[in-house]
Amino acid sequence: MPELVVKVLDYDTGKGLFGVLVALDSYVTGTDHTGIARIVVPAGRYTLRIRSPFYEPVTEDINITRDMTITVKLRKLHL
């Protein structure tokens, strides 16, 4: 089965964000201290959702056919 690696960075600093929720439909995990989350799933179409307090959420439809790495830069919310 393919592995999706999601690298979540702060848009302004470029630093990895810890503890960010990464969901690929019903598969859910969080980022480690370097901002990386890994999910192994069957090949197919999924909706990727990335959520973290104080950051704008990201939603993207993706098609996974092989191992993939995606880098996502989150923008801080202006509260």
PDB file of N, CA and C in Angstrom:
ATOM      1  N   MET A   1       0.847  -1.187   0.000  1.00  0.00           N
ATOM      2  CA  MET A   1       0.000   0.000   0.000  1.00  0.00           C
ATOM      3  C   MET A   1       0.885   1.241   0.000  1.00  0.00           C
ATOM      4  N   PRO A   2       0.428   2.286  -0.691  1.00  0.00           N
ATOM      5  CA  PRO A   2       1.216   3.524  -0.747  1.00  0.00           C
ATOM      6  C   PRO A   2       1.251   4.253   0.597  1.00  0.00           C
ATOM      7  N   GLU A   3       2.339   4.988   0.793  1.00  0.00           N
ATOM      8  CA  GLU A   3       2.483   5.833   1.980  1.00  0.00           C
ATOM      9  C   GLU A   3       2.398   7.290   1.555  1.00  0.00           C
ATOM     10  N   LEU A   4       1.549   8.051   2.244  1.00  0.00           N
ATOM     11  CA  LEU A   4       1.469   9.498   2.051  1.00  0.00           C
ATOM     12  C   LEU A   4       2.245  10.153   3.179  1.00  0.00           C
ATOM     13  N   VAL A   5       3.225  10.973   2.816  1.00  0.00           N
ATOM     14  CA  VAL A   5       3.979  11.754   3.792  1.00  0.00           C
ATOM     15  C   VAL A   5       3.551  13.202   3.615  1.00  0.00           C
ATOM     16  N   VAL A   6       3.073  13.806   4.703  1.00  0.00           N
ATOM     17  CA  VAL A   6       2.630  15.201   4.671  1.00  0.00           C
ATOM     18  C   VAL A   6       3.559  15.994   5.573  1.00  0.00           C
ATOM     19  N   LYS A   7       4.205  16.998   4.990  1.00  0.00           N
ATOM     20  CA  LYS A   7       5.083  17.886   5.752  1.00  0.00           C
ATOM     21  C   LYS A   7       4.342  19.200   5.941  1.00  0.00           C
ATOM     22  N   VAL A   8       4.074  19.556   7.201  1.00  0.00           N
ATOM     23  CA  VAL A   8       3.292  20.749   7.507  1.00  0.00           C
ATOM     24  C   VAL A   8       4.219  21.809   8.091  1.00  0.00           C
ATOM     25  N   LEU A   9       4.273  22.961   7.401  1.00  0.00           N
ATOM     26  CA  LEU A   9       5.174  24.046   7.782  1.00  0.00           C
ATOM     27  C   LEU A   9       4.398  25.317   8.079  1.00  0.00           C
ATOM     28  N   ASP A  10       4.973  26.159   8.925  1.00  0.00           N
ATOM     29  CA  ASP A  10       4.448  27.504   9.138  1.00  0.00           C
ATOM     30  C   ASP A  10       4.769  28.319   7.886  1.00  0.00           C
ATOM     31  N   TYR A  11       3.770  29.005   7.338  1.00  0.00           N
ATOM     32  CA  TYR A  11       3.940  29.750   6.093  1.00  0.00           C
ATOM     33  C   TYR A  11       5.037  30.812   6.204  1.00  0.00           C
ATOM     34  N   ASP A  12       5.079  31.506   7.343  1.00  0.00           N
ATOM     35  CA  ASP A  12       6.018  32.623   7.497  1.00  0.00           C
ATOM     36  C   ASP A  12       7.430  32.188   7.870  1.00  0.00           C
ATOM     37  N   THR A  13       7.544  31.196   8.752  1.00  0.00           N
ATOM     38  CA  THR A  13       8.866  30.813   9.249  1.00  0.00           C
ATOM     39  C   THR A  13       9.462  29.612   8.514  1.00  0.00           C
ATOM     40  N   GLY A  14       8.611  28.792   7.896  1.00  0.00           N
ATOM     41  CA  GLY A  14       9.088  27.585   7.236  1.00  0.00           C
ATOM     42  C   GLY A  14       9.405  26.449   8.188  1.00  0.00           C
ATOM     43  N   LYS A  15       9.117  26.647   9.476  1.00  0.00           N
ATOM     44  CA  LYS A  15       9.399  25.610  10.470  1.00  0.00           C
ATOM     45  C   LYS A  15       8.283  24.579  10.515  1.00  0.00           C
ATOM     46  N   GLY A  16       8.646  23.318  10.782  1.00  0.00           N
ATOM     47  CA  GLY A  16       7.674  22.251  10.927  1.00  0.00           C
ATOM     48  C   GLY A  16       6.773  22.485  12.133  1.00  0.00           C
ATOM     49  N   LEU A  17       5.499  22.156  11.980  1.00  0.00           N
ATOM     50  CA  LEU A  17       4.523  22.361  13.053  1.00  0.00           C
ATOM     51  C   LEU A  17       4.179  21.032  13.716  1.00  0.00           C
ATOM     52  N   PHE A  18       4.306  20.989  15.039  1.00  0.00           N
ATOM     53  CA  PHE A  18       4.042  19.789  15.825  1.00  0.00           C
ATOM     54  C   PHE A  18       2.556  19.689  16.191  1.00  0.00           C
ATOM     55  N   GLY A  19       2.023  18.473  16.168  1.00  0.00           N
ATOM     56  CA  GLY A  19       0.675  18.223  16.671  1.00  0.00           C
ATOM     57  C   GLY A  19      -0.453  18.671  15.771  1.00  0.00           C
ATOM     58  N   VAL A  20      -0.186  18.844  14.494  1.00  0.00           N
ATOM     59  CA  VAL A  20      -1.218  19.246  13.543  1.00  0.00           C
ATOM     60  C   VAL A  20      -2.030  18.007  13.145  1.00  0.00           C
ATOM     61  N   LEU A  21      -3.349  18.139  13.125  1.00  0.00           N
ATOM     62  CA  LEU A  21      -4.236  17.046  12.737  1.00  0.00           C
ATOM     63  C   LEU A  21      -4.211  16.890  11.221  1.00  0.00           C
ATOM     64  N   VAL A  22      -3.880  15.674  10.769  1.00  0.00           N
ATOM     65  CA  VAL A  22      -3.848  15.358   9.348  1.00  0.00           C
ATOM     66  C   VAL A  22      -4.821  14.201   9.135  1.00  0.00           C
ATOM     67  N   ALA A  23      -5.873  14.443   8.349  1.00  0.00           N
ATOM     68  CA  ALA A  23      -6.886  13.425   8.105  1.00  0.00           C
ATOM     69  C   ALA A  23      -6.993  13.158   6.614  1.00  0.00           C
ATOM     70  N   LEU A  24      -7.023  11.895   6.278  1.00  0.00           N
ATOM     71  CA  LEU A  24      -7.212  11.445   4.904  1.00  0.00           C
ATOM     72  C   LEU A  24      -8.456  10.577   4.943  1.00  0.00           C
ATOM     73  N   ASP A  25      -9.616  11.213   4.710  1.00  0.00           N
ATOM     74  CA  ASP A  25     -10.912  10.579   4.938  1.00  0.00           C
ATOM     75  C   ASP A  25     -10.945  10.044   6.376  1.00  0.00           C
ATOM     76  N   SER A  26     -11.085   8.727   6.580  1.00  0.00           N
ATOM     77  CA  SER A  26     -11.196   8.196   7.951  1.00  0.00           C
ATOM     78  C   SER A  26      -9.837   7.872   8.581  1.00  0.00           C
ATOM     79  N   TYR A  27      -8.759   8.036   7.844  1.00  0.00           N
ATOM     80  CA  TYR A  27      -7.417   7.807   8.383  1.00  0.00           C
ATOM     81  C   TYR A  27      -6.924   9.112   8.999  1.00  0.00           C
ATOM     82  N   VAL A  28      -6.588   9.082  10.296  1.00  0.00           N
ATOM     83  CA  VAL A  28      -6.229  10.317  11.004  1.00  0.00           C
ATOM     84  C   VAL A  28      -4.932  10.108  11.781  1.00  0.00           C
ATOM     85  N   THR A  29      -4.082  11.122  11.722  1.00  0.00           N
ATOM     86  CA  THR A  29      -2.838  11.112  12.489  1.00  0.00           C
ATOM     87  C   THR A  29      -2.458  12.547  12.809  1.00  0.00           C
ATOM     88  N   GLY A  30      -1.317  12.727  13.444  1.00  0.00           N
ATOM     89  CA  GLY A  30      -0.818  14.066  13.756  1.00  0.00           C
ATOM     90  C   GLY A  30       0.636  14.183  13.343  1.00  0.00           C
ATOM     91  N   THR A  31       1.114  15.399  13.244  1.00  0.00           N
ATOM     92  CA  THR A  31       2.505  15.630  12.862  1.00  0.00           C
ATOM     93  C   THR A  31       3.432  15.433  14.055  1.00  0.00           C
ATOM     94  N   ASP A  32       4.652  14.990  13.756  1.00  0.00           N
ATOM     95  CA  ASP A  32       5.666  14.835  14.799  1.00  0.00           C
ATOM     96  C   ASP A  32       6.373  16.170  15.038  1.00  0.00           C
ATOM     97  N   HIS A  33       7.446  16.143  15.815  1.00  0.00           N
ATOM     98  CA  HIS A  33       8.149  17.383  16.172  1.00  0.00           C
ATOM     99  C   HIS A  33       8.813  18.071  14.984  1.00  0.00           C
ATOM    100  N   THR A  34       8.925  17.374  13.841  1.00  0.00           N
ATOM    101  CA  THR A  34       9.502  17.995  12.643  1.00  0.00           C
ATOM    102  C   THR A  34       8.428  18.462  11.662  1.00  0.00           C
ATOM    103  N   GLY A  35       7.150  18.233  12.026  1.00  0.00           N
ATOM    104  CA  GLY A  35       6.047  18.649  11.156  1.00  0.00           C
ATOM    105  C   GLY A  35       5.649  17.598  10.140  1.00  0.00           C
ATOM    106  N   ILE A  36       6.076  16.343  10.340  1.00  0.00           N
ATOM    107  CA  ILE A  36       5.793  15.289   9.370  1.00  0.00           C
ATOM    108  C   ILE A  36       4.747  14.313   9.912  1.00  0.00           C
ATOM    109  N   ALA A  37       3.788  13.973   9.046  1.00  0.00           N
ATOM    110  CA  ALA A  37       2.786  12.952   9.339  1.00  0.00           C
ATOM    111  C   ALA A  37       2.866  11.904   8.239  1.00  0.00           C
ATOM    112  N   ARG A  38       2.670  10.652   8.610  1.00  0.00           N
ATOM    113  CA  ARG A  38       2.730   9.544   7.644  1.00  0.00           C
ATOM    114  C   ARG A  38       1.454   8.720   7.750  1.00  0.00           C
ATOM    115  N   ILE A  39       0.874   8.415   6.593  1.00  0.00           N
ATOM    116  CA  ILE A  39      -0.337   7.595   6.545  1.00  0.00           C
ATOM    117  C   ILE A  39      -0.176   6.571   5.421  1.00  0.00           C
ATOM    118  N   VAL A  40      -0.372   5.297   5.741  1.00  0.00           N
ATOM    119  CA  VAL A  40      -0.341   4.224   4.741  1.00  0.00           C
ATOM    120  C   VAL A  40      -1.792   3.850   4.443  1.00  0.00           C
ATOM    121  N   VAL A  41      -2.169   3.955   3.160  1.00  0.00           N
ATOM    122  CA  VAL A  41      -3.560   3.727   2.755  1.00  0.00           C
ATOM    123  C   VAL A  41      -3.608   2.956   1.439  1.00  0.00           C
ATOM    124  N   PRO A  42      -4.737   2.317   1.167  1.00  0.00           N
ATOM    125  CA  PRO A  42      -4.901   1.726  -0.162  1.00  0.00           C
ATOM    126  C   PRO A  42      -4.921   2.823  -1.230  1.00  0.00           C
ATOM    127  N   ALA A  43      -4.457   2.510  -2.421  1.00  0.00           N
ATOM    128  CA  ALA A  43      -4.506   3.486  -3.516  1.00  0.00           C
ATOM    129  C   ALA A  43      -5.952   3.923  -3.735  1.00  0.00           C
ATOM    130  N   GLY A  44      -6.121   5.200  -4.097  1.00  0.00           N
ATOM    131  CA  GLY A  44      -7.461   5.711  -4.356  1.00  0.00           C
ATOM    132  C   GLY A  44      -7.553   7.213  -4.195  1.00  0.00           C
ATOM    133  N   ARG A  45      -8.789   7.722  -4.303  1.00  0.00           N
ATOM    134  CA  ARG A  45      -9.055   9.159  -4.164  1.00  0.00           C
ATOM    135  C   ARG A  45      -9.471   9.446  -2.730  1.00  0.00           C
ATOM    136  N   TYR A  46      -8.920  10.534  -2.188  1.00  0.00           N
ATOM    137  CA  TYR A  46      -9.178  10.912  -0.800  1.00  0.00           C
ATOM    138  C   TYR A  46      -9.323  12.426  -0.688  1.00  0.00           C
ATOM    139  N   THR A  47      -9.918  12.845   0.421  1.00  0.00           N
ATOM    140  CA  THR A  47      -9.924  14.256   0.787  1.00  0.00           C
ATOM    141  C   THR A  47      -8.959  14.427   1.948  1.00  0.00           C
ATOM    142  N   LEU A  48      -7.937  15.237   1.744  1.00  0.00           N
ATOM    143  CA  LEU A  48      -6.945  15.541   2.765  1.00  0.00           C
ATOM    144  C   LEU A  48      -7.411  16.782   3.524  1.00  0.00           C
ATOM    145  N   ARG A  49      -7.466  16.670   4.863  1.00  0.00           N
ATOM    146  CA  ARG A  49      -7.842  17.804   5.706  1.00  0.00           C
ATOM    147  C   ARG A  49      -6.752  18.025   6.737  1.00  0.00           C
ATOM    148  N   ILE A  50      -6.298  19.268   6.838  1.00  0.00           N
ATOM    149  CA  ILE A  50      -5.250  19.616   7.790  1.00  0.00           C
ATOM    150  C   ILE A  50      -5.784  20.729   8.674  1.00  0.00           C
ATOM    151  N   ARG A  51      -5.728  20.488  10.000  1.00  0.00           N
ATOM    152  CA  ARG A  51      -6.312  21.424  10.967  1.00  0.00           C
ATOM    153  C   ARG A  51      -5.356  21.644  12.129  1.00  0.00           C
ATOM    154  N   SER A  52      -5.254  22.899  12.550  1.00  0.00           N
ATOM    155  CA  SER A  52      -4.464  23.246  13.722  1.00  0.00           C
ATOM    156  C   SER A  52      -4.997  24.552  14.296  1.00  0.00           C
ATOM    157  N   PRO A  53      -5.095  24.647  15.635  1.00  0.00           N
ATOM    158  CA  PRO A  53      -5.545  25.906  16.221  1.00  0.00           C
ATOM    159  C   PRO A  53      -4.627  27.050  15.778  1.00  0.00           C
ATOM    160  N   PHE A  54      -5.210  28.179  15.546  1.00  0.00           N
ATOM    161  CA  PHE A  54      -4.495  29.407  15.182  1.00  0.00           C
ATOM    162  C   PHE A  54      -3.974  29.424  13.749  1.00  0.00           C
ATOM    163  N   TYR A  55      -4.324  28.403  12.946  1.00  0.00           N
ATOM    164  CA  TYR A  55      -3.921  28.365  11.544  1.00  0.00           C
ATOM    165  C   TYR A  55      -5.146  28.139  10.662  1.00  0.00           C
ATOM    166  N   GLU A  56      -5.097  28.667   9.445  1.00  0.00           N
ATOM    167  CA  GLU A  56      -6.186  28.445   8.496  1.00  0.00           C
ATOM    168  C   GLU A  56      -6.198  26.966   8.095  1.00  0.00           C
ATOM    169  N   PRO A  57      -7.377  26.334   8.068  1.00  0.00           N
ATOM    170  CA  PRO A  57      -7.448  24.932   7.665  1.00  0.00           C
ATOM    171  C   PRO A  57      -7.201  24.769   6.168  1.00  0.00           C
ATOM    172  N   VAL A  58      -6.757  23.578   5.798  1.00  0.00           N
ATOM    173  CA  VAL A  58      -6.507  23.256   4.397  1.00  0.00           C
ATOM    174  C   VAL A  58      -7.287  21.986   4.054  1.00  0.00           C
ATOM    175  N   THR A  59      -7.979  22.011   2.917  1.00  0.00           N
ATOM    176  CA  THR A  59      -8.682  20.834   2.406  1.00  0.00           C
ATOM    177  C   THR A  59      -8.313  20.685   0.938  1.00  0.00           C
ATOM    178  N   GLU A  60      -7.954  19.455   0.556  1.00  0.00           N
ATOM    179  CA  GLU A  60      -7.510  19.215  -0.819  1.00  0.00           C
ATOM    180  C   GLU A  60      -7.888  17.790  -1.221  1.00  0.00           C
ATOM    181  N   ASP A  61      -8.414  17.629  -2.412  1.00  0.00           N
ATOM    182  CA  ASP A  61      -8.691  16.298  -2.939  1.00  0.00           C
ATOM    183  C   ASP A  61      -7.426  15.778  -3.605  1.00  0.00           C
ATOM    184  N   ILE A  62      -7.047  14.534  -3.274  1.00  0.00           N
ATOM    185  CA  ILE A  62      -5.848  13.958  -3.866  1.00  0.00           C
ATOM    186  C   ILE A  62      -6.119  12.534  -4.336  1.00  0.00           C
ATOM    187  N   ASN A  63      -5.350  12.109  -5.308  1.00  0.00           N
ATOM    188  CA  ASN A  63      -5.419  10.748  -5.824  1.00  0.00           C
ATOM    189  C   ASN A  63      -4.083  10.090  -5.520  1.00  0.00           C
ATOM    190  N   ILE A  64      -4.122   9.034  -4.721  1.00  0.00           N
ATOM    191  CA  ILE A  64      -2.901   8.352  -4.321  1.00  0.00           C
ATOM    192  C   ILE A  64      -2.777   7.054  -5.116  1.00  0.00           C
ATOM    193  N   THR A  65      -1.715   6.964  -5.906  1.00  0.00           N
ATOM    194  CA  THR A  65      -1.471   5.759  -6.691  1.00  0.00           C
ATOM    195  C   THR A  65      -0.148   5.104  -6.313  1.00  0.00           C
ATOM    196  N   ARG A  66       0.714   5.860  -5.628  1.00  0.00           N
ATOM    197  CA  ARG A  66       2.040   5.391  -5.222  1.00  0.00           C
ATOM    198  C   ARG A  66       2.484   6.210  -4.021  1.00  0.00           C
ATOM    199  N   ASP A  67       3.650   5.931  -3.466  1.00  0.00           N
ATOM    200  CA  ASP A  67       4.166   6.739  -2.356  1.00  0.00           C
ATOM    201  C   ASP A  67       4.238   8.203  -2.792  1.00  0.00           C
ATOM    202  N   MET A  68       3.792   9.082  -1.895  1.00  0.00           N
ATOM    203  CA  MET A  68       3.754  10.516  -2.218  1.00  0.00           C
ATOM    204  C   MET A  68       4.218  11.338  -1.031  1.00  0.00           C
ATOM    205  N   THR A  69       4.794  12.496  -1.319  1.00  0.00           N
ATOM    206  CA  THR A  69       5.115  13.482  -0.288  1.00  0.00           C
ATOM    207  C   THR A  69       4.477  14.796  -0.686  1.00  0.00           C
ATOM    208  N   ILE A  70       3.754  15.386   0.268  1.00  0.00           N
ATOM    209  CA  ILE A  70       3.098  16.671   0.040  1.00  0.00           C
ATOM    210  C   ILE A  70       3.592  17.644   1.106  1.00  0.00           C
ATOM    211  N   THR A  71       3.954  18.851   0.689  1.00  0.00           N
ATOM    212  CA  THR A  71       4.330  19.898   1.639  1.00  0.00           C
ATOM    213  C   THR A  71       3.209  20.922   1.666  1.00  0.00           C
ATOM    214  N   VAL A  72       2.738  21.258   2.878  1.00  0.00           N
ATOM    215  CA  VAL A  72       1.659  22.218   3.059  1.00  0.00           C
ATOM    216  C   VAL A  72       2.147  23.313   3.999  1.00  0.00           C
ATOM    217  N   LYS A  73       1.977  24.560   3.580  1.00  0.00           N
ATOM    218  CA  LYS A  73       2.352  25.704   4.420  1.00  0.00           C
ATOM    219  C   LYS A  73       1.079  26.334   4.973  1.00  0.00           C
ATOM    220  N   LEU A  74       0.953  26.320   6.297  1.00  0.00           N
ATOM    221  CA  LEU A  74      -0.238  26.876   6.943  1.00  0.00           C
ATOM    222  C   LEU A  74      -0.035  28.340   7.293  1.00  0.00           C
ATOM    223  N   ARG A  75      -1.064  29.135   7.008  1.00  0.00           N
ATOM    224  CA  ARG A  75      -1.044  30.561   7.354  1.00  0.00           C
ATOM    225  C   ARG A  75      -1.727  30.754   8.703  1.00  0.00           C
ATOM    226  N   LYS A  76      -1.141  31.619   9.532  1.00  0.00           N
ATOM    227  CA  LYS A  76      -1.734  31.924  10.831  1.00  0.00           C
ATOM    228  C   LYS A  76      -3.033  32.679  10.648  1.00  0.00           C
ATOM    229  N   LEU A  77      -3.994  32.373  11.530  1.00  0.00           N
ATOM    230  CA  LEU A  77      -5.243  33.129  11.559  1.00  0.00           C
ATOM    231  C   LEU A  77      -4.977  34.498  12.154  1.00  0.00           C
ATOM    232  N   HIS A  78      -5.650  35.497  11.659  1.00  0.00           N
ATOM    233  CA  HIS A  78      -5.505  36.853  12.218  1.00  0.00           C
ATOM    234  C   HIS A  78      -6.673  37.073  13.156  1.00  0.00           C
ATOM    235  N   LEU A  79      -6.427  36.850  14.439  1.00  0.00           N
ATOM    236  CA  LEU A  79      -7.479  36.971  15.451  1.00  0.00           C
ATOM    237  C   LEU A  79      -7.567  38.366  16.000  1.00  0.00           C
TER     238      LEU A  79
END
